[in-house]
Amino acid sequence: MLFRSVWVTAYGSYGKNLSIGHDPMVDVLLGKGVAVAYVHVRGGRELGGAWHEAGRGAKKVNAVQDLIAAARAIGHHPRIDANRMLGFGQSAGGTVIAAAVNAAPELFLGIILDRPFLDPLRALEGERSPLTRTNQFEFGDPHSREGYQSILAWSPYDQVRAQPYPSAWLKGFEHDQRTSATGLIKWAARVRQLATNRPEILINLAEDGGHYGSYNA
C-alpha cells in the first residue's frame, strides 16, 4: 500500500543538526497516511564539523544537491508515490527547499516554507543587521566577485526561471529581523510572473511577532 504522500524536511545550515525529536505534527501526518522523511544535507553537523564546512560559503550548493539526490532516492521507495512529495523548510531550511525547486521543479507537488530566507544576495549585501557577519560566514560574502557568483548560483530568488513550479504555502512575519518578509513576497511575485504553469502561491504574513514567534531575538 502506498502512503498518500511524503513530507520531506531539510535544514542544512549553521552547523545545526536537523531535529528528529518528537513533534505532534508528525503524529498528525502519520495518522493521515503521510510518510515523513528527514534529509540531513551538508551544512548541518550530523557528521561533525567537516559536514558543516562542506555545505557553507562557496559550497552551500552542496546542501541543495544533497536534498535533490535524497528526494529522488525517497521517490524510488516502493511505498512512496514520487508524484506526491511535499517539501518543508524552516528559516534557512526554506532556502534549501526553494533552491532545490529551482534546480529540479519536478521533485515536489507542493512546498511549505516557514519564515524562509529567499533573497540572500540583497540581505547579505546589507551592513545594518548584527547578523550580517554570521550570515556571510554561512552563505558567502557578495561583496567579493567570487562570493557574489557562488551565491547567485543557488539563490532562491535569483534562480527563479520560466518553468513549471509546485504550489507553495509561505509563512512569515512582517517585522522579522532575521528573514525579511520582503524576500518572501518578492520570491512569490517572481514565481507567479515566470512560472509556465499556474501554481497556487499562498502567503500567511502575520503582523505581530518575529522570527521566533512572539519575540524577535
Protein backbone atom coordinates (compact mmCIF):
# COMPACT_ATOMS: atom_id res chain seq x y z
CA MET A 1 0.00 0.00 0.00
CA LEU A 2 1.31 3.43 -0.92
CA PHE A 3 1.46 6.33 1.51
CA ARG A 4 -0.89 9.13 0.49
CA SER A 5 2.15 11.41 0.17
CA VAL A 6 5.55 12.04 1.76
CA TRP A 7 6.60 15.07 3.79
CA VAL A 8 10.32 15.83 3.25
CA THR A 9 12.10 18.12 5.73
CA ALA A 10 15.61 19.57 5.38
CA TYR A 11 17.72 22.31 7.03
CA GLY A 12 21.49 22.21 6.39
CA SER A 13 22.90 25.48 7.75
CA TYR A 14 24.93 26.99 10.61
CA GLY A 15 26.26 23.57 11.60
CA LYS A 16 22.91 22.88 13.24
CA ASN A 17 21.52 19.36 13.35
CA LEU A 18 18.06 18.82 11.93
CA SER A 19 15.86 17.88 14.88
CA ILE A 20 14.18 14.50 14.60
CA GLY A 21 12.71 14.61 18.10
CA HIS A 22 9.04 14.06 18.80
CA ASP A 23 6.79 16.54 17.05
CA PRO A 24 2.98 16.42 17.42
CA MET A 25 2.68 17.49 13.78
CA VAL A 26 4.39 14.25 12.73
CA ASP A 27 1.76 12.27 14.63
CA VAL A 28 -0.93 14.10 12.66
CA LEU A 29 0.76 13.41 9.33
CA LEU A 30 1.34 9.74 10.05
CA GLY A 31 -2.25 9.40 11.20
CA LYS A 32 -3.38 10.67 7.80
CA GLY A 33 -1.21 8.21 5.92
CA VAL A 34 1.57 10.68 5.09
CA ALA A 35 5.14 9.39 5.31
CA VAL A 36 7.74 11.68 6.93
CA ALA A 37 11.39 11.88 5.82
CA TYR A 38 14.24 13.88 7.38
CA VAL A 39 17.10 14.72 5.00
CA HIS A 40 20.44 15.54 6.64
CA VAL A 41 22.16 17.64 3.98
CA ARG A 42 25.64 19.10 4.18
CA GLY A 43 25.74 22.35 6.11
CA GLY A 44 24.46 20.74 9.29
CA ARG A 45 26.69 18.97 11.79
CA GLU A 46 25.20 15.49 11.79
CA LEU A 47 28.59 14.08 10.71
CA GLY A 48 30.74 16.63 12.52
CA GLY A 49 32.48 19.87 11.60
CA ALA A 50 33.59 18.66 8.17
CA TRP A 51 29.92 18.08 7.27
CA HIS A 52 29.21 21.74 8.08
CA GLU A 53 32.24 23.01 6.17
CA ALA A 54 31.20 21.01 3.10
CA GLY A 55 27.90 22.89 2.94
CA ARG A 56 28.67 26.51 3.77
CA GLY A 57 30.04 29.52 1.91
CA ALA A 58 31.06 28.71 -1.66
CA LYS A 59 29.99 25.10 -1.01
CA LYS A 60 26.40 25.93 0.01
CA VAL A 61 25.18 24.49 -3.29
CA ASN A 62 26.18 21.06 -1.93
CA ALA A 63 23.26 21.23 0.52
CA VAL A 64 20.88 21.80 -2.38
CA GLN A 65 22.35 18.95 -4.40
CA ASP A 66 22.14 16.64 -1.38
CA LEU A 67 18.44 17.39 -0.98
CA ILE A 68 17.73 16.74 -4.66
CA ALA A 69 19.59 13.41 -4.59
CA ALA A 70 17.88 12.32 -1.37
CA ALA A 71 14.39 13.30 -2.59
CA ARG A 72 14.89 11.29 -5.76
CA ALA A 73 16.04 8.30 -3.72
CA ILE A 74 13.00 8.61 -1.44
CA GLY A 75 10.76 8.71 -4.52
CA HIS A 76 12.08 5.29 -5.57
CA HIS A 77 10.87 3.62 -2.36
CA PRO A 78 8.17 1.06 -3.26
CA ARG A 79 5.67 2.55 -0.78
CA ILE A 80 6.21 6.17 -1.87
CA ASP A 81 4.42 7.93 -4.73
CA ALA A 82 7.13 10.22 -6.12
CA ASN A 83 4.41 12.43 -7.65
CA ARG A 84 3.01 13.33 -4.23
CA MET A 85 6.07 14.66 -2.42
CA LEU A 86 5.88 17.75 -0.21
CA GLY A 87 8.93 19.82 0.75
CA PHE A 88 9.10 21.58 4.12
CA GLY A 89 11.75 24.02 5.33
CA GLN A 90 12.00 26.49 8.19
CA SER A 91 14.23 29.58 8.02
CA ALA A 92 17.48 28.53 6.29
CA GLY A 93 15.83 25.18 5.59
CA GLY A 94 13.40 27.08 3.39
CA THR A 95 16.41 28.35 1.45
CA VAL A 96 17.50 24.81 0.61
CA ILE A 97 13.97 23.69 -0.34
CA ALA A 98 13.35 26.71 -2.59
CA ALA A 99 16.78 26.40 -4.24
CA ALA A 100 16.11 22.71 -4.93
CA VAL A 101 12.79 23.61 -6.56
CA ASN A 102 14.57 25.96 -8.97
CA ALA A 103 17.04 23.24 -9.95
CA ALA A 104 14.55 20.35 -10.06
CA PRO A 105 10.95 21.66 -10.09
CA GLU A 106 9.54 18.19 -10.78
CA LEU A 107 10.58 16.95 -7.34
CA PHE A 108 7.72 18.38 -5.29
CA LEU A 109 3.97 18.54 -5.70
CA GLY A 110 3.97 21.37 -3.17
CA ILE A 111 6.29 23.14 -0.73
CA ILE A 112 5.79 24.77 2.67
CA LEU A 113 8.29 27.48 3.60
CA ASP A 114 8.19 28.79 7.17
CA ARG A 115 9.99 32.14 7.69
CA PRO A 116 12.27 31.33 4.72
CA PHE A 117 15.47 33.11 3.68
CA LEU A 118 14.81 33.57 -0.04
CA ASP A 119 16.72 36.65 -1.25
CA PRO A 120 20.25 36.12 0.11
CA LEU A 121 22.13 38.46 -2.22
CA ARG A 122 20.27 41.56 -1.11
CA ALA A 123 20.21 40.51 2.55
CA LEU A 124 23.93 39.73 2.68
CA GLU A 125 24.90 42.97 0.95
CA GLY A 126 23.42 44.96 3.85
CA GLU A 127 25.50 46.09 6.81
CA ARG A 128 22.77 47.11 9.24
CA SER A 129 21.87 43.77 10.74
CA PRO A 130 24.01 42.42 13.60
CA LEU A 131 23.58 39.01 11.95
CA THR A 132 25.20 40.03 8.65
CA ARG A 133 28.70 38.75 9.53
CA THR A 134 27.33 35.44 10.78
CA ASN A 135 25.25 35.00 7.66
CA GLN A 136 28.13 35.93 5.37
CA PHE A 137 30.23 33.25 7.05
CA GLU A 138 27.47 30.72 6.42
CA PHE A 139 26.24 31.70 2.96
CA GLY A 140 29.10 33.74 1.48
CA ASP A 141 30.02 37.42 1.13
CA PRO A 142 28.55 39.05 -2.00
CA HIS A 143 30.99 41.97 -1.76
CA SER A 144 33.64 39.82 -3.45
CA ARG A 145 33.23 38.66 -7.05
CA GLU A 146 33.68 35.02 -6.08
CA GLY A 147 31.21 35.27 -3.22
CA TYR A 148 28.62 37.04 -5.36
CA GLN A 149 28.83 34.43 -8.11
CA SER A 150 28.63 31.49 -5.69
CA ILE A 151 25.50 32.89 -4.00
CA LEU A 152 23.92 33.80 -7.34
CA ALA A 153 24.32 30.19 -8.49
CA TRP A 154 21.81 28.87 -5.91
CA SER A 155 19.89 31.96 -4.71
CA PRO A 156 16.17 31.01 -4.50
CA TYR A 157 15.03 34.43 -5.75
CA ASP A 158 17.61 34.97 -8.49
CA GLN A 159 17.33 31.47 -9.93
CA VAL A 160 13.55 31.53 -10.45
CA ARG A 161 13.06 30.92 -14.17
CA ALA A 162 10.44 30.15 -16.81
CA GLN A 163 9.47 26.58 -15.90
CA PRO A 164 6.67 24.80 -14.02
CA TYR A 165 6.63 25.36 -10.24
CA PRO A 166 4.91 23.46 -7.44
CA SER A 167 2.24 25.11 -5.35
CA ALA A 168 3.61 26.86 -2.27
CA TRP A 169 2.44 27.99 1.16
CA LEU A 170 4.67 30.63 2.74
CA LYS A 171 4.58 31.84 6.32
CA GLY A 172 6.34 34.90 7.66
CA PHE A 173 6.21 37.89 10.00
CA GLU A 174 6.16 41.49 8.81
CA HIS A 175 8.77 42.55 11.37
CA ASP A 176 11.03 39.51 11.27
CA GLN A 177 14.58 40.83 11.71
CA ARG A 178 16.26 37.58 10.67
CA THR A 179 14.44 36.61 7.48
CA SER A 180 12.81 39.62 5.89
CA ALA A 181 9.21 39.35 4.76
CA THR A 182 10.25 41.38 1.72
CA GLY A 183 12.26 38.44 0.39
CA LEU A 184 9.30 36.11 0.81
CA ILE A 185 6.96 38.47 -1.05
CA LYS A 186 9.48 39.08 -3.85
CA TRP A 187 10.02 35.35 -4.35
CA ALA A 188 6.27 34.71 -4.56
CA ALA A 189 5.80 37.54 -7.08
CA ARG A 190 8.67 36.29 -9.25
CA VAL A 191 7.34 32.73 -9.32
CA ARG A 192 3.86 33.98 -10.23
CA GLN A 193 5.38 36.05 -13.05
CA LEU A 194 7.68 33.42 -14.57
CA ALA A 195 6.08 30.03 -13.86
CA THR A 196 4.91 28.37 -17.07
CA ASN A 197 2.06 26.68 -15.20
CA ARG A 198 -0.27 28.35 -12.70
CA PRO A 199 0.90 27.24 -9.25
CA GLU A 200 -1.13 28.28 -6.25
CA ILE A 201 1.09 30.53 -4.11
CA LEU A 202 -0.41 31.32 -0.71
CA ILE A 203 1.14 33.74 1.79
CA ASN A 204 0.39 33.87 5.51
CA LEU A 205 2.03 37.07 6.75
CA ALA A 206 1.47 37.92 10.41
CA GLU A 207 1.84 41.46 11.71
CA ASP A 208 2.77 40.56 15.29
CA GLY A 209 5.80 38.53 16.27
CA GLY A 210 9.24 37.85 14.88
CA HIS A 211 11.43 35.01 13.74
CA TYR A 212 10.84 33.04 16.91
CA GLY A 213 7.15 33.79 17.22
CA SER A 214 6.16 36.26 19.90
CA TYR A 215 9.66 37.76 20.23
CA ASN A 216 12.40 38.79 17.83
CA ALA A 217 15.76 37.84 19.37
